[in-house]
Amino acid sequence: MPQKDVYSKKITSEEEQKNFVLVLKDRLAFFPEEGETFKLIHNGQPRKAKIESYPCSCRGPDQPHSHYFVKSKGLRAGDRITIQRDVKGGGRHFLQVQHHPRRT
């Protein structure tokens, strides 16, 4: 499956604590526009999701920027998530979670 149809990453402790999945800026185009709702389906259960952002200065005060995320509860540091776009369209995305073996 081409990378453009899948977003995959390992969950960090920050993501676990804040109940979200960070979206890398170069992968924003994979998702609908920021603020636009879409269906995120996990274990057959659809829920409304959207790309959100918060301002950040982690690169220093001279380089302000934003971090982008999708809210998602129940993820743990070390879990690997894969979000796949529905090839049939309809604005749906499927979330799969591979739980870290020491965290299950």
PDB file of N, CA and C in Angstrom:
ATOM      1  N   MET A   1       0.849  -1.181   0.000  1.00  0.00           N
ATOM      2  CA  MET A   1       0.000   0.000   0.000  1.00  0.00           C
ATOM      3  C   MET A   1       0.890   1.237   0.000  1.00  0.00           C
ATOM      4  N   PRO A   2       0.630   2.176  -0.912  1.00  0.00           N
ATOM      5  CA  PRO A   2       1.463   3.380  -0.968  1.00  0.00           C
ATOM      6  C   PRO A   2       1.403   4.173   0.333  1.00  0.00           C
ATOM      7  N   GLN A   3       2.527   4.784   0.700  1.00  0.00           N
ATOM      8  CA  GLN A   3       2.608   5.540   1.942  1.00  0.00           C
ATOM      9  C   GLN A   3       1.574   6.660   1.966  1.00  0.00           C
ATOM     10  N   LYS A   4       1.236   7.229   0.820  1.00  0.00           N
ATOM     11  CA  LYS A   4       0.295   8.345   0.812  1.00  0.00           C
ATOM     12  C   LYS A   4      -1.096   7.945   1.288  1.00  0.00           C
ATOM     13  N   ASP A   5      -1.413   6.636   1.272  1.00  0.00           N
ATOM     14  CA  ASP A   5      -2.720   6.162   1.704  1.00  0.00           C
ATOM     15  C   ASP A   5      -2.743   5.731   3.168  1.00  0.00           C
ATOM     16  N   VAL A   6      -1.592   5.834   3.841  1.00  0.00           N
ATOM     17  CA  VAL A   6      -1.474   5.364   5.223  1.00  0.00           C
ATOM     18  C   VAL A   6      -0.652   6.370   6.035  1.00  0.00           C
ATOM     19  N   TYR A   7      -1.093   6.601   7.275  1.00  0.00           N
ATOM     20  CA  TYR A   7      -0.305   7.390   8.218  1.00  0.00           C
ATOM     21  C   TYR A   7      -0.013   6.470   9.397  1.00  0.00           C
ATOM     22  N   SER A   8       1.260   6.249   9.688  1.00  0.00           N
ATOM     23  CA  SER A   8       1.641   5.323  10.739  1.00  0.00           C
ATOM     24  C   SER A   8       2.721   5.950  11.605  1.00  0.00           C
ATOM     25  N   LYS A   9       2.626   5.707  12.906  1.00  0.00           N
ATOM     26  CA  LYS A   9       3.649   6.217  13.824  1.00  0.00           C
ATOM     27  C   LYS A   9       3.557   5.507  15.162  1.00  0.00           C
ATOM     28  N   LYS A  10       4.618   5.655  15.928  1.00  0.00           N
ATOM     29  CA  LYS A  10       4.686   5.123  17.285  1.00  0.00           C
ATOM     30  C   LYS A  10       4.230   6.224  18.247  1.00  0.00           C
ATOM     31  N   ILE A  11       3.379   5.879  19.180  1.00  0.00           N
ATOM     32  CA  ILE A  11       2.838   6.840  20.142  1.00  0.00           C
ATOM     33  C   ILE A  11       3.893   7.182  21.197  1.00  0.00           C
ATOM     34  N   THR A  12       4.037   8.472  21.465  1.00  0.00           N
ATOM     35  CA  THR A  12       4.987   8.958  22.468  1.00  0.00           C
ATOM     36  C   THR A  12       4.295   9.126  23.817  1.00  0.00           C
ATOM     37  N   SER A  13       5.075   9.348  24.854  1.00  0.00           N
ATOM     38  CA  SER A  13       4.487   9.575  26.183  1.00  0.00           C
ATOM     39  C   SER A  13       3.653  10.861  26.194  1.00  0.00           C
ATOM     40  N   GLU A  14       4.085  11.882  25.449  1.00  0.00           N
ATOM     41  CA  GLU A  14       3.295  13.119  25.362  1.00  0.00           C
ATOM     42  C   GLU A  14       1.930  12.845  24.746  1.00  0.00           C
ATOM     43  N   GLU A  15       1.908  12.053  23.682  1.00  0.00           N
ATOM     44  CA  GLU A  15       0.632  11.733  23.035  1.00  0.00           C
ATOM     45  C   GLU A  15      -0.270  10.930  23.974  1.00  0.00           C
ATOM     46  N   GLU A  16       0.319  10.000  24.721  1.00  0.00           N
ATOM     47  CA  GLU A  16      -0.465   9.229  25.693  1.00  0.00           C
ATOM     48  C   GLU A  16      -1.072  10.154  26.741  1.00  0.00           C
ATOM     49  N   GLN A  17      -0.265  11.053  27.295  1.00  0.00           N
ATOM     50  CA  GLN A  17      -0.727  11.951  28.348  1.00  0.00           C
ATOM     51  C   GLN A  17      -1.797  12.926  27.855  1.00  0.00           C
ATOM     52  N   LYS A  18      -1.659  13.402  26.626  1.00  0.00           N
ATOM     53  CA  LYS A  18      -2.571  14.428  26.104  1.00  0.00           C
ATOM     54  C   LYS A  18      -3.712  13.850  25.259  1.00  0.00           C
ATOM     55  N   ASN A  19      -3.761  12.518  25.151  1.00  0.00           N
ATOM     56  CA  ASN A  19      -4.831  11.838  24.418  1.00  0.00           C
ATOM     57  C   ASN A  19      -4.970  12.321  22.982  1.00  0.00           C
ATOM     58  N   PHE A  20      -3.824  12.332  22.276  1.00  0.00           N
ATOM     59  CA  PHE A  20      -3.894  12.678  20.864  1.00  0.00           C
ATOM     60  C   PHE A  20      -2.802  11.980  20.079  1.00  0.00           C
ATOM     61  N   VAL A  21      -2.936  12.051  18.751  1.00  0.00           N
ATOM     62  CA  VAL A  21      -1.924  11.547  17.824  1.00  0.00           C
ATOM     63  C   VAL A  21      -1.382  12.754  17.078  1.00  0.00           C
ATOM     64  N   LEU A  22      -0.098  13.018  17.227  1.00  0.00           N
ATOM     65  CA  LEU A  22       0.515  14.113  16.482  1.00  0.00           C
ATOM     66  C   LEU A  22       0.532  13.778  14.990  1.00  0.00           C
ATOM     67  N   VAL A  23       0.291  14.786  14.178  1.00  0.00           N
ATOM     68  CA  VAL A  23       0.334  14.633  12.726  1.00  0.00           C
ATOM     69  C   VAL A  23       1.497  15.471  12.214  1.00  0.00           C
ATOM     70  N   LEU A  24       2.442  14.814  11.577  1.00  0.00           N
ATOM     71  CA  LEU A  24       3.591  15.534  11.040  1.00  0.00           C
ATOM     72  C   LEU A  24       3.136  16.490   9.942  1.00  0.00           C
ATOM     73  N   LYS A  25       3.739  17.665   9.931  1.00  0.00           N
ATOM     74  CA  LYS A  25       3.320  18.715   8.999  1.00  0.00           C
ATOM     75  C   LYS A  25       3.359  18.248   7.547  1.00  0.00           C
ATOM     76  N   ASP A  26       4.358  17.447   7.198  1.00  0.00           N
ATOM     77  CA  ASP A  26       4.452  16.982   5.815  1.00  0.00           C
ATOM     78  C   ASP A  26       3.406  15.916   5.465  1.00  0.00           C
ATOM     79  N   ARG A  27       2.612  15.484   6.462  1.00  0.00           N
ATOM     80  CA  ARG A  27       1.554  14.503   6.215  1.00  0.00           C
ATOM     81  C   ARG A  27       0.156  15.079   6.399  1.00  0.00           C
ATOM     82  N   LEU A  28       0.065  16.393   6.595  1.00  0.00           N
ATOM     83  CA  LEU A  28      -1.244  17.023   6.775  1.00  0.00           C
ATOM     84  C   LEU A  28      -2.176  16.786   5.596  1.00  0.00           C
ATOM     85  N   ALA A  29      -1.640  16.736   4.396  1.00  0.00           N
ATOM     86  CA  ALA A  29      -2.473  16.554   3.201  1.00  0.00           C
ATOM     87  C   ALA A  29      -3.178  15.200   3.191  1.00  0.00           C
ATOM     88  N   PHE A  30      -2.701  14.244   3.987  1.00  0.00           N
ATOM     89  CA  PHE A  30      -3.343  12.934   4.099  1.00  0.00           C
ATOM     90  C   PHE A  30      -4.738  13.065   4.703  1.00  0.00           C
ATOM     91  N   PHE A  31      -4.923  14.052   5.554  1.00  0.00           N
ATOM     92  CA  PHE A  31      -6.165  14.255   6.286  1.00  0.00           C
ATOM     93  C   PHE A  31      -6.987  15.385   5.654  1.00  0.00           C
ATOM     94  N   PRO A  32      -8.283  15.463   6.013  1.00  0.00           N
ATOM     95  CA  PRO A  32      -9.066  16.636   5.599  1.00  0.00           C
ATOM     96  C   PRO A  32      -8.460  17.913   6.189  1.00  0.00           C
ATOM     97  N   GLU A  33      -8.888  19.046   5.682  1.00  0.00           N
ATOM     98  CA  GLU A  33      -8.400  20.341   6.156  1.00  0.00           C
ATOM     99  C   GLU A  33      -8.573  20.479   7.667  1.00  0.00           C
ATOM    100  N   GLU A  34      -7.673  21.241   8.278  1.00  0.00           N
ATOM    101  CA  GLU A  34      -7.758  21.494   9.722  1.00  0.00           C
ATOM    102  C   GLU A  34      -9.153  22.004  10.080  1.00  0.00           C
ATOM    103  N   GLY A  35      -9.753  21.400  11.102  1.00  0.00           N
ATOM    104  CA  GLY A  35     -11.067  21.803  11.583  1.00  0.00           C
ATOM    105  C   GLY A  35     -12.238  21.100  10.906  1.00  0.00           C
ATOM    106  N   GLU A  36     -12.016  20.476   9.771  1.00  0.00           N
ATOM    107  CA  GLU A  36     -13.076  19.752   9.058  1.00  0.00           C
ATOM    108  C   GLU A  36     -13.250  18.377   9.694  1.00  0.00           C
ATOM    109  N   THR A  37     -14.473  18.013  10.045  1.00  0.00           N
ATOM    110  CA  THR A  37     -14.687  16.719  10.692  1.00  0.00           C
ATOM    111  C   THR A  37     -14.653  15.587   9.669  1.00  0.00           C
ATOM    112  N   PHE A  38     -14.222  14.439  10.144  1.00  0.00           N
ATOM    113  CA  PHE A  38     -14.226  13.221   9.340  1.00  0.00           C
ATOM    114  C   PHE A  38     -14.500  12.049  10.270  1.00  0.00           C
ATOM    115  N   LYS A  39     -14.859  10.907   9.699  1.00  0.00           N
ATOM    116  CA  LYS A  39     -15.115   9.724  10.506  1.00  0.00           C
ATOM    117  C   LYS A  39     -13.821   8.950  10.696  1.00  0.00           C
ATOM    118  N   LEU A  40     -13.499   8.669  11.960  1.00  0.00           N
ATOM    119  CA  LEU A  40     -12.357   7.842  12.308  1.00  0.00           C
ATOM    120  C   LEU A  40     -12.933   6.566  12.917  1.00  0.00           C
ATOM    121  N   ILE A  41     -12.693   5.445  12.263  1.00  0.00           N
ATOM    122  CA  ILE A  41     -13.305   4.179  12.667  1.00  0.00           C
ATOM    123  C   ILE A  41     -12.248   3.292  13.313  1.00  0.00           C
ATOM    124  N   HIS A  42     -12.528   2.906  14.559  1.00  0.00           N
ATOM    125  CA  HIS A  42     -11.624   2.033  15.315  1.00  0.00           C
ATOM    126  C   HIS A  42     -12.448   0.888  15.881  1.00  0.00           C
ATOM    127  N   ASN A  43     -12.034  -0.339  15.607  1.00  0.00           N
ATOM    128  CA  ASN A  43     -12.770  -1.529  16.054  1.00  0.00           C
ATOM    129  C   ASN A  43     -14.239  -1.483  15.634  1.00  0.00           C
ATOM    130  N   GLY A  44     -14.490  -1.000  14.434  1.00  0.00           N
ATOM    131  CA  GLY A  44     -15.844  -0.936  13.901  1.00  0.00           C
ATOM    132  C   GLY A  44     -16.698   0.193  14.437  1.00  0.00           C
ATOM    133  N   GLN A  45     -16.144   0.988  15.347  1.00  0.00           N
ATOM    134  CA  GLN A  45     -16.899   2.076  15.975  1.00  0.00           C
ATOM    135  C   GLN A  45     -16.496   3.414  15.371  1.00  0.00           C
ATOM    136  N   PRO A  46     -17.400   4.070  14.630  1.00  0.00           N
ATOM    137  CA  PRO A  46     -17.064   5.380  14.062  1.00  0.00           C
ATOM    138  C   PRO A  46     -17.197   6.489  15.103  1.00  0.00           C
ATOM    139  N   ARG A  47     -16.348   7.478  14.973  1.00  0.00           N
ATOM    140  CA  ARG A  47     -16.479   8.682  15.795  1.00  0.00           C
ATOM    141  C   ARG A  47     -16.026   9.867  14.959  1.00  0.00           C
ATOM    142  N   LYS A  48     -16.511  11.024  15.337  1.00  0.00           N
ATOM    143  CA  LYS A  48     -16.102  12.240  14.637  1.00  0.00           C
ATOM    144  C   LYS A  48     -14.708  12.636  15.095  1.00  0.00           C
ATOM    145  N   ALA A  49     -13.886  13.026  14.153  1.00  0.00           N
ATOM    146  CA  ALA A  49     -12.530  13.475  14.459  1.00  0.00           C
ATOM    147  C   ALA A  49     -12.226  14.686  13.592  1.00  0.00           C
ATOM    148  N   LYS A  50     -11.173  15.398  13.942  1.00  0.00           N
ATOM    149  CA  LYS A  50     -10.717  16.524  13.130  1.00  0.00           C
ATOM    150  C   LYS A  50      -9.273  16.834  13.458  1.00  0.00           C
ATOM    151  N   ILE A  51      -8.603  17.451  12.518  1.00  0.00           N
ATOM    152  CA  ILE A  51      -7.245  17.927  12.744  1.00  0.00           C
ATOM    153  C   ILE A  51      -7.341  19.228  13.534  1.00  0.00           C
ATOM    154  N   GLU A  52      -6.587  19.301  14.617  1.00  0.00           N
ATOM    155  CA  GLU A  52      -6.517  20.507  15.435  1.00  0.00           C
ATOM    156  C   GLU A  52      -5.053  20.906  15.554  1.00  0.00           C
ATOM    157  N   SER A  53      -4.800  22.084  16.094  1.00  0.00           N
ATOM    158  CA  SER A  53      -3.416  22.525  16.257  1.00  0.00           C
ATOM    159  C   SER A  53      -3.268  23.366  17.514  1.00  0.00           C
ATOM    160  N   TYR A  54      -2.015  23.512  17.926  1.00  0.00           N
ATOM    161  CA  TYR A  54      -1.706  24.426  19.024  1.00  0.00           C
ATOM    162  C   TYR A  54      -0.378  25.103  18.705  1.00  0.00           C
ATOM    163  N   PRO A  55      -0.237  26.368  19.116  1.00  0.00           N
ATOM    164  CA  PRO A  55       1.010  27.087  18.857  1.00  0.00           C
ATOM    165  C   PRO A  55       2.132  26.534  19.724  1.00  0.00           C
ATOM    166  N   CYS A  56       3.344  26.581  19.186  1.00  0.00           N
ATOM    167  CA  CYS A  56       4.485  26.029  19.910  1.00  0.00           C
ATOM    168  C   CYS A  56       5.730  26.863  19.635  1.00  0.00           C
ATOM    169  N   SER A  57       6.626  26.885  20.616  1.00  0.00           N
ATOM    170  CA  SER A  57       7.910  27.568  20.450  1.00  0.00           C
ATOM    171  C   SER A  57       9.051  26.631  20.843  1.00  0.00           C
ATOM    172  N   CYS A  58       8.865  25.324  20.596  1.00  0.00           N
ATOM    173  CA  CYS A  58       9.893  24.350  20.992  1.00  0.00           C
ATOM    174  C   CYS A  58      11.201  24.545  20.222  1.00  0.00           C
ATOM    175  N   ARG A  59      11.158  25.264  19.126  1.00  0.00           N
ATOM    176  CA  ARG A  59      12.380  25.568  18.365  1.00  0.00           C
ATOM    177  C   ARG A  59      12.967  26.916  18.761  1.00  0.00           C
ATOM    178  N   GLY A  60      12.375  27.524  19.761  1.00  0.00           N
ATOM    179  CA  GLY A  60      12.834  28.827  20.222  1.00  0.00           C
ATOM    180  C   GLY A  60      11.854  29.922  19.845  1.00  0.00           C
ATOM    181  N   PRO A  61      11.955  31.064  20.514  1.00  0.00           N
ATOM    182  CA  PRO A  61      10.998  32.150  20.296  1.00  0.00           C
ATOM    183  C   PRO A  61      11.076  32.760  18.899  1.00  0.00           C
ATOM    184  N   ASP A  62      12.187  32.570  18.208  1.00  0.00           N
ATOM    185  CA  ASP A  62      12.337  33.126  16.863  1.00  0.00           C
ATOM    186  C   ASP A  62      11.722  32.236  15.787  1.00  0.00           C
ATOM    187  N   GLN A  63      11.264  31.043  16.174  1.00  0.00           N
ATOM    188  CA  GLN A  63      10.698  30.115  15.203  1.00  0.00           C
ATOM    189  C   GLN A  63       9.348  29.568  15.676  1.00  0.00           C
ATOM    190  N   PRO A  64       8.371  30.460  15.876  1.00  0.00           N
ATOM    191  CA  PRO A  64       7.054  29.968  16.296  1.00  0.00           C
ATOM    192  C   PRO A  64       6.425  29.147  15.165  1.00  0.00           C
ATOM    193  N   HIS A  65       5.668  28.149  15.558  1.00  0.00           N
ATOM    194  CA  HIS A  65       5.020  27.281  14.587  1.00  0.00           C
ATOM    195  C   HIS A  65       3.850  26.584  15.278  1.00  0.00           C
ATOM    196  N   SER A  66       3.196  25.694  14.581  1.00  0.00           N
ATOM    197  CA  SER A  66       2.077  24.938  15.153  1.00  0.00           C
ATOM    198  C   SER A  66       2.368  23.455  15.100  1.00  0.00           C
ATOM    199  N   HIS A  67       1.794  22.733  16.055  1.00  0.00           N
ATOM    200  CA  HIS A  67       1.803  21.275  16.043  1.00  0.00           C
ATOM    201  C   HIS A  67       0.366  20.847  15.758  1.00  0.00           C
ATOM    202  N   TYR A  68       0.204  19.806  14.952  1.00  0.00           N
ATOM    203  CA  TYR A  68      -1.110  19.342  14.522  1.00  0.00           C
ATOM    204  C   TYR A  68      -1.382  17.975  15.141  1.00  0.00           C
ATOM    205  N   PHE A  69      -2.661  17.705  15.430  1.00  0.00           N
ATOM    206  CA  PHE A  69      -3.010  16.455  16.098  1.00  0.00           C
ATOM    207  C   PHE A  69      -4.458  16.070  15.836  1.00  0.00           C
ATOM    208  N   VAL A  70      -4.752  14.798  16.130  1.00  0.00           N
ATOM    209  CA  VAL A  70      -6.105  14.253  16.150  1.00  0.00           C
ATOM    210  C   VAL A  70      -6.307  13.688  17.547  1.00  0.00           C
ATOM    211  N   LYS A  71      -7.386  14.062  18.218  1.00  0.00           N
ATOM    212  CA  LYS A  71      -7.661  13.528  19.554  1.00  0.00           C
ATOM    213  C   LYS A  71      -7.980  12.035  19.454  1.00  0.00           C
ATOM    214  N   SER A  72      -7.437  11.279  20.372  1.00  0.00           N
ATOM    215  CA  SER A  72      -7.696   9.835  20.417  1.00  0.00           C
ATOM    216  C   SER A  72      -7.342   9.310  21.798  1.00  0.00           C
ATOM    217  N   LYS A  73      -8.337   8.840  22.523  1.00  0.00           N
ATOM    218  CA  LYS A  73      -8.117   8.326  23.877  1.00  0.00           C
ATOM    219  C   LYS A  73      -7.706   6.861  23.844  1.00  0.00           C
ATOM    220  N   GLY A  74      -7.051   6.445  24.903  1.00  0.00           N
ATOM    221  CA  GLY A  74      -6.744   5.039  25.102  1.00  0.00           C
ATOM    222  C   GLY A  74      -5.448   4.557  24.487  1.00  0.00           C
ATOM    223  N   LEU A  75      -4.696   5.451  23.871  1.00  0.00           N
ATOM    224  CA  LEU A  75      -3.415   5.046  23.297  1.00  0.00           C
ATOM    225  C   LEU A  75      -2.342   5.130  24.364  1.00  0.00           C
ATOM    226  N   ARG A  76      -1.366   4.242  24.268  1.00  0.00           N
ATOM    227  CA  ARG A  76      -0.275   4.209  25.238  1.00  0.00           C
ATOM    228  C   ARG A  76       1.055   4.387  24.536  1.00  0.00           C
ATOM    229  N   ALA A  77       1.993   4.986  25.244  1.00  0.00           N
ATOM    230  CA  ALA A  77       3.344   5.154  24.699  1.00  0.00           C
ATOM    231  C   ALA A  77       3.870   3.799  24.242  1.00  0.00           C
ATOM    232  N   GLY A  78       4.415   3.774  23.050  1.00  0.00           N
ATOM    233  CA  GLY A  78       4.934   2.538  22.484  1.00  0.00           C
ATOM    234  C   GLY A  78       3.973   1.846  21.536  1.00  0.00           C
ATOM    235  N   ASP A  79       2.674   2.171  21.632  1.00  0.00           N
ATOM    236  CA  ASP A  79       1.716   1.615  20.675  1.00  0.00           C
ATOM    237  C   ASP A  79       2.070   2.109  19.280  1.00  0.00           C
ATOM    238  N   ARG A  80       1.816   1.295  18.277  1.00  0.00           N
ATOM    239  CA  ARG A  80       1.987   1.723  16.886  1.00  0.00           C
ATOM    240  C   ARG A  80       0.598   1.868  16.293  1.00  0.00           C
ATOM    241  N   ILE A  81       0.318   3.063  15.777  1.00  0.00           N
ATOM    242  CA  ILE A  81      -0.981   3.302  15.151  1.00  0.00           C
ATOM    243  C   ILE A  81      -0.797   3.384  13.643  1.00  0.00           C
ATOM    244  N   THR A  82      -1.834   2.961  12.952  1.00  0.00           N
ATOM    245  CA  THR A  82      -1.906   3.102  11.504  1.00  0.00           C
ATOM    246  C   THR A  82      -3.278   3.656  11.183  1.00  0.00           C
ATOM    247  N   ILE A  83      -3.293   4.745  10.448  1.00  0.00           N
ATOM    248  CA  ILE A  83      -4.548   5.328   9.983  1.00  0.00           C
ATOM    249  C   ILE A  83      -4.559   5.179   8.471  1.00  0.00           C
ATOM    250  N   GLN A  84      -5.619   4.551   7.984  1.00  0.00           N
ATOM    251  CA  GLN A  84      -5.741   4.291   6.550  1.00  0.00           C
ATOM    252  C   GLN A  84      -6.967   5.013   6.017  1.00  0.00           C
ATOM    253  N   ARG A  85      -6.799   5.676   4.886  1.00  0.00           N
ATOM    254  CA  ARG A  85      -7.919   6.326   4.214  1.00  0.00           C
ATOM    255  C   ARG A  85      -8.805   5.263   3.582  1.00  0.00           C
ATOM    256  N   ASP A  86     -10.111   5.468   3.638  1.00  0.00           N
ATOM    257  CA  ASP A  86     -11.043   4.560   2.968  1.00  0.00           C
ATOM    258  C   ASP A  86     -10.882   4.735   1.466  1.00  0.00           C
ATOM    259  N   VAL A  87     -10.491   3.677   0.785  1.00  0.00           N
ATOM    260  CA  VAL A  87     -10.261   3.762  -0.661  1.00  0.00           C
ATOM    261  C   VAL A  87     -11.561   4.021  -1.428  1.00  0.00           C
ATOM    262  N   LYS A  88     -12.705   3.776  -0.790  1.00  0.00           N
ATOM    263  CA  LYS A  88     -13.997   4.029  -1.431  1.00  0.00           C
ATOM    264  C   LYS A  88     -14.424   5.485  -1.291  1.00  0.00           C
ATOM    265  N   GLY A  89     -13.639   6.274  -0.571  1.00  0.00           N
ATOM    266  CA  GLY A  89     -13.970   7.689  -0.365  1.00  0.00           C
ATOM    267  C   GLY A  89     -14.912   7.870   0.808  1.00  0.00           C
ATOM    268  N   GLY A  90     -15.635   8.953   0.796  1.00  0.00           N
ATOM    269  CA  GLY A  90     -16.596   9.211   1.859  1.00  0.00           C
ATOM    270  C   GLY A  90     -16.004   9.859   3.092  1.00  0.00           C
ATOM    271  N   GLY A  91     -14.741  10.253   3.038  1.00  0.00           N
ATOM    272  CA  GLY A  91     -14.142  10.956   4.167  1.00  0.00           C
ATOM    273  C   GLY A  91     -13.912  10.092   5.388  1.00  0.00           C
ATOM    274  N   ARG A  92     -13.845   8.779   5.213  1.00  0.00           N
ATOM    275  CA  ARG A  92     -13.622   7.896   6.353  1.00  0.00           C
ATOM    276  C   ARG A  92     -12.153   7.497   6.430  1.00  0.00           C
ATOM    277  N   HIS A  93     -11.698   7.336   7.664  1.00  0.00           N
ATOM    278  CA  HIS A  93     -10.342   6.851   7.938  1.00  0.00           C
ATOM    279  C   HIS A  93     -10.462   5.741   8.978  1.00  0.00           C
ATOM    280  N   PHE A  94      -9.640   4.714   8.829  1.00  0.00           N
ATOM    281  CA  PHE A  94      -9.656   3.575   9.743  1.00  0.00           C
ATOM    282  C   PHE A  94      -8.405   3.603  10.628  1.00  0.00           C
ATOM    283  N   LEU A  95      -8.617   3.481  11.931  1.00  0.00           N
ATOM    284  CA  LEU A  95      -7.532   3.479  12.905  1.00  0.00           C
ATOM    285  C   LEU A  95      -7.282   2.054  13.377  1.00  0.00           C
ATOM    286  N   GLN A  96      -6.042   1.618  13.255  1.00  0.00           N
ATOM    287  CA  GLN A  96      -5.620   0.331  13.799  1.00  0.00           C
ATOM    288  C   GLN A  96      -4.544   0.613  14.846  1.00  0.00           C
ATOM    289  N   VAL A  97      -4.593  -0.142  15.939  1.00  0.00           N
ATOM    290  CA  VAL A  97      -3.621   0.041  17.019  1.00  0.00           C
ATOM    291  C   VAL A  97      -2.947  -1.293  17.310  1.00  0.00           C
ATOM    292  N   GLN A  98      -1.636  -1.290  17.255  1.00  0.00           N
ATOM    293  CA  GLN A  98      -0.852  -2.441  17.701  1.00  0.00           C
ATOM    294  C   GLN A  98      -0.290  -2.044  19.056  1.00  0.00           C
ATOM    295  N   HIS A  99      -0.819  -2.664  20.098  1.00  0.00           N
ATOM    296  CA  HIS A  99      -0.396  -2.293  21.445  1.00  0.00           C
ATOM    297  C   HIS A  99       1.017  -2.787  21.719  1.00  0.00           C
ATOM    298  N   HIS A 100       1.761  -1.949  22.398  1.00  0.00           N
ATOM    299  CA  HIS A 100       3.125  -2.310  22.803  1.00  0.00           C
ATOM    300  C   HIS A 100       3.030  -3.523  23.718  1.00  0.00           C
ATOM    301  N   PRO A 101       3.851  -4.544  23.497  1.00  0.00           N
ATOM    302  CA  PRO A 101       3.722  -5.797  24.271  1.00  0.00           C
ATOM    303  C   PRO A 101       3.824  -5.634  25.774  1.00  0.00           C
ATOM    304  N   ARG A 102       4.614  -4.683  26.252  1.00  0.00           N
ATOM    305  CA  ARG A 102       4.772  -4.500  27.706  1.00  0.00           C
ATOM    306  C   ARG A 102       3.646  -3.666  28.292  1.00  0.00           C
ATOM    307  N   ARG A 103       2.784  -3.082  27.444  1.00  0.00           N
ATOM    308  CA  ARG A 103       1.759  -2.162  27.933  1.00  0.00           C
ATOM    309  C   ARG A 103       0.351  -2.736  27.839  1.00  0.00           C
ATOM    310  N   THR A 104       0.180  -3.972  27.425  1.00  0.00           N
ATOM    311  CA  THR A 104      -1.165  -4.518  27.264  1.00  0.00           C
ATOM    312  C   THR A 104      -1.723  -5.049  28.550  1.00  0.00           C
TER     313      THR A 104
END
